[in-house]
Amino acid sequence: MNEEMKYEAAMAELQSIVRKMENDELDIDQMTEQLKRAQELIKLCKDKLTKTDAEIKKILTNS
């Protein structure tokens, strides 16, 4: 996975996956693949949020 992916792009891709699942647009093989991708995207988003939170706390502490 591209670690340089922007948070917004990851969220947009996640929303697309959810929409496809809700609209029954995926067969079972695609669903498995998309669920794995969704897990990767969720981890990326959580990691970015955690990193951003730590950076903000560091900045506020040094102010």
PDB file of N, CA and C in Angstrom:
ATOM      1  N   MET A   1       0.847  -1.184   0.000  1.00  0.00           N
ATOM      2  CA  MET A   1       0.000   0.000   0.000  1.00  0.00           C
ATOM      3  C   MET A   1       0.881   1.231   0.000  1.00  0.00           C
ATOM      4  N   ASN A   2       0.432   2.254  -0.636  1.00  0.00           N
ATOM      5  CA  ASN A   2       1.171   3.499  -0.709  1.00  0.00           C
ATOM      6  C   ASN A   2       1.060   4.246   0.604  1.00  0.00           C
ATOM      7  N   GLU A   3       2.166   4.319   1.348  1.00  0.00           N
ATOM      8  CA  GLU A   3       2.163   4.985   2.650  1.00  0.00           C
ATOM      9  C   GLU A   3       1.979   6.491   2.529  1.00  0.00           C
ATOM     10  N   GLU A   4       2.203   7.033   1.329  1.00  0.00           N
ATOM     11  CA  GLU A   4       2.064   8.466   1.116  1.00  0.00           C
ATOM     12  C   GLU A   4       0.620   8.857   0.775  1.00  0.00           C
ATOM     13  N   MET A   5      -0.276   7.890   0.786  1.00  0.00           N
ATOM     14  CA  MET A   5      -1.677   8.170   0.467  1.00  0.00           C
ATOM     15  C   MET A   5      -2.235   9.179   1.474  1.00  0.00           C
ATOM     16  N   LYS A   6      -2.934  10.147   0.974  1.00  0.00           N
ATOM     17  CA  LYS A   6      -3.541  11.165   1.826  1.00  0.00           C
ATOM     18  C   LYS A   6      -4.742  10.593   2.563  1.00  0.00           C
ATOM     19  N   TYR A   7      -4.987  11.129   3.755  1.00  0.00           N
ATOM     20  CA  TYR A   7      -6.116  10.702   4.584  1.00  0.00           C
ATOM     21  C   TYR A   7      -7.423  10.824   3.806  1.00  0.00           C
ATOM     22  N   GLU A   8      -7.599  11.946   3.134  1.00  0.00           N
ATOM     23  CA  GLU A   8      -8.850  12.190   2.399  1.00  0.00           C
ATOM     24  C   GLU A   8      -9.050  11.165   1.286  1.00  0.00           C
ATOM     25  N   ALA A   9      -7.961  10.800   0.607  1.00  0.00           N
ATOM     26  CA  ALA A   9      -8.050   9.804  -0.462  1.00  0.00           C
ATOM     27  C   ALA A   9      -8.413   8.434   0.112  1.00  0.00           C
ATOM     28  N   ALA A  10      -7.832   8.105   1.255  1.00  0.00           N
ATOM     29  CA  ALA A  10      -8.140   6.827   1.901  1.00  0.00           C
ATOM     30  C   ALA A  10      -9.605   6.782   2.324  1.00  0.00           C
ATOM     31  N   MET A  11     -10.092   7.881   2.888  1.00  0.00           N
ATOM     32  CA  MET A  11     -11.502   7.933   3.305  1.00  0.00           C
ATOM     33  C   MET A  11     -12.437   7.832   2.104  1.00  0.00           C
ATOM     34  N   ALA A  12     -12.080   8.492   1.014  1.00  0.00           N
ATOM     35  CA  ALA A  12     -12.907   8.434  -0.189  1.00  0.00           C
ATOM     36  C   ALA A  12     -12.968   7.005  -0.731  1.00  0.00           C
ATOM     37  N   GLU A  13     -11.825   6.313  -0.716  1.00  0.00           N
ATOM     38  CA  GLU A  13     -11.808   4.927  -1.193  1.00  0.00           C
ATOM     39  C   GLU A  13     -12.632   4.037  -0.268  1.00  0.00           C
ATOM     40  N   LEU A  14     -12.527   4.263   1.033  1.00  0.00           N
ATOM     41  CA  LEU A  14     -13.335   3.494   1.989  1.00  0.00           C
ATOM     42  C   LEU A  14     -14.832   3.712   1.734  1.00  0.00           C
ATOM     43  N   GLN A  15     -15.218   4.963   1.522  1.00  0.00           N
ATOM     44  CA  GLN A  15     -16.624   5.265   1.256  1.00  0.00           C
ATOM     45  C   GLN A  15     -17.100   4.580  -0.018  1.00  0.00           C
ATOM     46  N   SER A  16     -16.233   4.518  -1.014  1.00  0.00           N
ATOM     47  CA  SER A  16     -16.572   3.838  -2.265  1.00  0.00           C
ATOM     48  C   SER A  16     -16.797   2.345  -2.035  1.00  0.00           C
ATOM     49  N   ILE A  17     -15.929   1.743  -1.243  1.00  0.00           N
ATOM     50  CA  ILE A  17     -16.076   0.311  -0.924  1.00  0.00           C
ATOM     51  C   ILE A  17     -17.388   0.060  -0.196  1.00  0.00           C
ATOM     52  N   VAL A  18     -17.696   0.906   0.788  1.00  0.00           N
ATOM     53  CA  VAL A  18     -18.941   0.750   1.551  1.00  0.00           C
ATOM     54  C   VAL A  18     -20.150   0.882   0.626  1.00  0.00           C
ATOM     55  N   ARG A  19     -20.104   1.877  -0.271  1.00  0.00           N
ATOM     56  CA  ARG A  19     -21.227   2.078  -1.202  1.00  0.00           C
ATOM     57  C   ARG A  19     -21.443   0.846  -2.077  1.00  0.00           C
ATOM     58  N   LYS A  20     -20.339   0.293  -2.598  1.00  0.00           N
ATOM     59  CA  LYS A  20     -20.448  -0.902  -3.439  1.00  0.00           C
ATOM     60  C   LYS A  20     -21.041  -2.070  -2.656  1.00  0.00           C
ATOM     61  N   MET A  21     -20.644  -2.213  -1.410  1.00  0.00           N
ATOM     62  CA  MET A  21     -21.166  -3.311  -0.582  1.00  0.00           C
ATOM     63  C   MET A  21     -22.655  -3.101  -0.302  1.00  0.00           C
ATOM     64  N   GLU A  22     -23.026  -1.868   0.013  1.00  0.00           N
ATOM     65  CA  GLU A  22     -24.436  -1.569   0.305  1.00  0.00           C
ATOM     66  C   GLU A  22     -25.330  -1.785  -0.912  1.00  0.00           C
ATOM     67  N   ASN A  23     -24.782  -1.561  -2.091  1.00  0.00           N
ATOM     68  CA  ASN A  23     -25.559  -1.702  -3.333  1.00  0.00           C
ATOM     69  C   ASN A  23     -25.410  -3.081  -3.979  1.00  0.00           C
ATOM     70  N   ASP A  24     -24.802  -4.015  -3.242  1.00  0.00           N
ATOM     71  CA  ASP A  24     -24.596  -5.381  -3.744  1.00  0.00           C
ATOM     72  C   ASP A  24     -23.902  -5.394  -5.109  1.00  0.00           C
ATOM     73  N   GLU A  25     -22.892  -4.548  -5.268  1.00  0.00           N
ATOM     74  CA  GLU A  25     -22.168  -4.466  -6.538  1.00  0.00           C
ATOM     75  C   GLU A  25     -20.974  -5.420  -6.602  1.00  0.00           C
ATOM     76  N   LEU A  26     -20.708  -6.139  -5.526  1.00  0.00           N
ATOM     77  CA  LEU A  26     -19.530  -6.994  -5.470  1.00  0.00           C
ATOM     78  C   LEU A  26     -19.917  -8.465  -5.388  1.00  0.00           C
ATOM     79  N   ASP A  27     -19.198  -9.299  -6.155  1.00  0.00           N
ATOM     80  CA  ASP A  27     -19.389 -10.735  -5.961  1.00  0.00           C
ATOM     81  C   ASP A  27     -18.536 -11.160  -4.761  1.00  0.00           C
ATOM     82  N   ILE A  28     -18.602 -12.404  -4.368  1.00  0.00           N
ATOM     83  CA  ILE A  28     -17.951 -12.871  -3.144  1.00  0.00           C
ATOM     84  C   ILE A  28     -16.436 -12.684  -3.205  1.00  0.00           C
ATOM     85  N   ASP A  29     -15.823 -12.926  -4.359  1.00  0.00           N
ATOM     86  CA  ASP A  29     -14.380 -12.752  -4.489  1.00  0.00           C
ATOM     87  C   ASP A  29     -13.984 -11.276  -4.378  1.00  0.00           C
ATOM     88  N   GLN A  30     -14.752 -10.437  -5.026  1.00  0.00           N
ATOM     89  CA  GLN A  30     -14.488  -9.000  -4.948  1.00  0.00           C
ATOM     90  C   GLN A  30     -14.692  -8.499  -3.518  1.00  0.00           C
ATOM     91  N   MET A  31     -15.724  -9.023  -2.850  1.00  0.00           N
ATOM     92  CA  MET A  31     -16.016  -8.590  -1.494  1.00  0.00           C
ATOM     93  C   MET A  31     -14.846  -8.909  -0.560  1.00  0.00           C
ATOM     94  N   THR A  32     -14.296 -10.110  -0.691  1.00  0.00           N
ATOM     95  CA  THR A  32     -13.154 -10.495   0.129  1.00  0.00           C
ATOM     96  C   THR A  32     -11.977  -9.558  -0.122  1.00  0.00           C
ATOM     97  N   GLU A  33     -11.702  -9.286  -1.383  1.00  0.00           N
ATOM     98  CA  GLU A  33     -10.607  -8.392  -1.762  1.00  0.00           C
ATOM     99  C   GLU A  33     -10.847  -6.979  -1.222  1.00  0.00           C
ATOM    100  N   GLN A  34     -12.068  -6.499  -1.364  1.00  0.00           N
ATOM    101  CA  GLN A  34     -12.400  -5.150  -0.913  1.00  0.00           C
ATOM    102  C   GLN A  34     -12.367  -5.029   0.612  1.00  0.00           C
ATOM    103  N   LEU A  35     -12.769  -6.081   1.307  1.00  0.00           N
ATOM    104  CA  LEU A  35     -12.701  -6.050   2.770  1.00  0.00           C
ATOM    105  C   LEU A  35     -11.255  -5.986   3.247  1.00  0.00           C
ATOM    106  N   LYS A  36     -10.370  -6.708   2.586  1.00  0.00           N
ATOM    107  CA  LYS A  36      -8.944  -6.643   2.930  1.00  0.00           C
ATOM    108  C   LYS A  36      -8.415  -5.235   2.676  1.00  0.00           C
ATOM    109  N   ARG A  37      -8.791  -4.658   1.555  1.00  0.00           N
ATOM    110  CA  ARG A  37      -8.360  -3.293   1.235  1.00  0.00           C
ATOM    111  C   ARG A  37      -8.913  -2.306   2.259  1.00  0.00           C
ATOM    112  N   ALA A  38     -10.170  -2.495   2.653  1.00  0.00           N
ATOM    113  CA  ALA A  38     -10.774  -1.613   3.650  1.00  0.00           C
ATOM    114  C   ALA A  38      -9.999  -1.684   4.968  1.00  0.00           C
ATOM    115  N   GLN A  39      -9.583  -2.882   5.370  1.00  0.00           N
ATOM    116  CA  GLN A  39      -8.791  -3.022   6.595  1.00  0.00           C
ATOM    117  C   GLN A  39      -7.496  -2.232   6.495  1.00  0.00           C
ATOM    118  N   GLU A  40      -6.826  -2.298   5.347  1.00  0.00           N
ATOM    119  CA  GLU A  40      -5.586  -1.546   5.137  1.00  0.00           C
ATOM    120  C   GLU A  40      -5.843  -0.043   5.217  1.00  0.00           C
ATOM    121  N   LEU A  41      -6.939   0.389   4.605  1.00  0.00           N
ATOM    122  CA  LEU A  41      -7.268   1.815   4.600  1.00  0.00           C
ATOM    123  C   LEU A  41      -7.612   2.307   5.998  1.00  0.00           C
ATOM    124  N   ILE A  42      -8.348   1.507   6.758  1.00  0.00           N
ATOM    125  CA  ILE A  42      -8.705   1.881   8.125  1.00  0.00           C
ATOM    126  C   ILE A  42      -7.444   2.019   8.976  1.00  0.00           C
ATOM    127  N   LYS A  43      -6.519   1.067   8.824  1.00  0.00           N
ATOM    128  CA  LYS A  43      -5.262   1.140   9.578  1.00  0.00           C
ATOM    129  C   LYS A  43      -4.487   2.398   9.187  1.00  0.00           C
ATOM    130  N   LEU A  44      -4.409   2.693   7.892  1.00  0.00           N
ATOM    131  CA  LEU A  44      -3.708   3.881   7.439  1.00  0.00           C
ATOM    132  C   LEU A  44      -4.326   5.138   8.063  1.00  0.00           C
ATOM    133  N   CYS A  45      -5.639   5.223   8.052  1.00  0.00           N
ATOM    134  CA  CYS A  45      -6.327   6.393   8.607  1.00  0.00           C
ATOM    135  C   CYS A  45      -6.078   6.510  10.112  1.00  0.00           C
ATOM    136  N   LYS A  46      -6.183   5.388  10.828  1.00  0.00           N
ATOM    137  CA  LYS A  46      -5.942   5.416  12.272  1.00  0.00           C
ATOM    138  C   LYS A  46      -4.511   5.834  12.573  1.00  0.00           C
ATOM    139  N   ASP A  47      -3.554   5.310  11.810  1.00  0.00           N
ATOM    140  CA  ASP A  47      -2.152   5.666  12.016  1.00  0.00           C
ATOM    141  C   ASP A  47      -1.921   7.156  11.770  1.00  0.00           C
ATOM    142  N   LYS A  48      -2.527   7.688  10.712  1.00  0.00           N
ATOM    143  CA  LYS A  48      -2.367   9.107  10.411  1.00  0.00           C
ATOM    144  C   LYS A  48      -2.986   9.964  11.512  1.00  0.00           C
ATOM    145  N   LEU A  49      -4.157   9.571  12.006  1.00  0.00           N
ATOM    146  CA  LEU A  49      -4.802  10.332  13.080  1.00  0.00           C
ATOM    147  C   LEU A  49      -3.973  10.288  14.360  1.00  0.00           C
ATOM    148  N   THR A  50      -3.432   9.125  14.680  1.00  0.00           N
ATOM    149  CA  THR A  50      -2.601   8.985  15.877  1.00  0.00           C
ATOM    150  C   THR A  50      -1.354   9.853  15.761  1.00  0.00           C
ATOM    151  N   LYS A  51      -0.711   9.818  14.597  1.00  0.00           N
ATOM    152  CA  LYS A  51       0.504  10.610  14.368  1.00  0.00           C
ATOM    153  C   LYS A  51       0.190  12.103  14.452  1.00  0.00           C
ATOM    154  N   THR A  52      -0.903  12.519  13.843  1.00  0.00           N
ATOM    155  CA  THR A  52      -1.291  13.924  13.862  1.00  0.00           C
ATOM    156  C   THR A  52      -1.602  14.366  15.286  1.00  0.00           C
ATOM    157  N   ASP A  53      -2.308  13.534  16.035  1.00  0.00           N
ATOM    158  CA  ASP A  53      -2.638  13.840  17.426  1.00  0.00           C
ATOM    159  C   ASP A  53      -1.361  14.028  18.246  1.00  0.00           C
ATOM    160  N   ALA A  54      -0.390  13.140  18.065  1.00  0.00           N
ATOM    161  CA  ALA A  54       0.880  13.232  18.791  1.00  0.00           C
ATOM    162  C   ALA A  54       1.619  14.521  18.417  1.00  0.00           C
ATOM    163  N   GLU A  55       1.608  14.869  17.135  1.00  0.00           N
ATOM    164  CA  GLU A  55       2.283  16.094  16.690  1.00  0.00           C
ATOM    165  C   GLU A  55       1.622  17.335  17.282  1.00  0.00           C
ATOM    166  N   ILE A  56       0.296  17.346  17.326  1.00  0.00           N
ATOM    167  CA  ILE A  56      -0.426  18.479  17.894  1.00  0.00           C
ATOM    168  C   ILE A  56      -0.111  18.619  19.382  1.00  0.00           C
ATOM    169  N   LYS A  57      -0.135  17.500  20.105  1.00  0.00           N
ATOM    170  CA  LYS A  57       0.180  17.542  21.539  1.00  0.00           C
ATOM    171  C   LYS A  57       1.594  18.048  21.771  1.00  0.00           C
ATOM    172  N   LYS A  58       2.530  17.623  20.927  1.00  0.00           N
ATOM    173  CA  LYS A  58       3.926  18.067  21.046  1.00  0.00           C
ATOM    174  C   LYS A  58       4.014  19.578  20.829  1.00  0.00           C
ATOM    175  N   ILE A  59       3.333  20.078  19.807  1.00  0.00           N
ATOM    176  CA  ILE A  59       3.348  21.502  19.524  1.00  0.00           C
ATOM    177  C   ILE A  59       2.740  22.289  20.686  1.00  0.00           C
ATOM    178  N   LEU A  60       1.617  21.822  21.210  1.00  0.00           N
ATOM    179  CA  LEU A  60       0.962  22.516  22.307  1.00  0.00           C
ATOM    180  C   LEU A  60       1.803  22.492  23.585  1.00  0.00           C
ATOM    181  N   THR A  61       2.509  21.395  23.808  1.00  0.00           N
ATOM    182  CA  THR A  61       3.361  21.273  24.985  1.00  0.00           C
ATOM    183  C   THR A  61       4.549  22.228  24.904  1.00  0.00           C
ATOM    184  N   ASN A  62       5.056  22.433  23.700  1.00  0.00           N
ATOM    185  CA  ASN A  62       6.226  23.304  23.504  1.00  0.00           C
ATOM    186  C   ASN A  62       5.858  24.780  23.402  1.00  0.00           C
ATOM    187  N   SER A  63       4.579  25.081  23.391  1.00  0.00           N
ATOM    188  CA  SER A  63       4.158  26.483  23.241  1.00  0.00           C
ATOM    189  C   SER A  63       4.327  27.253  24.531  1.00  0.00           C
TER     190      SER A  63
END
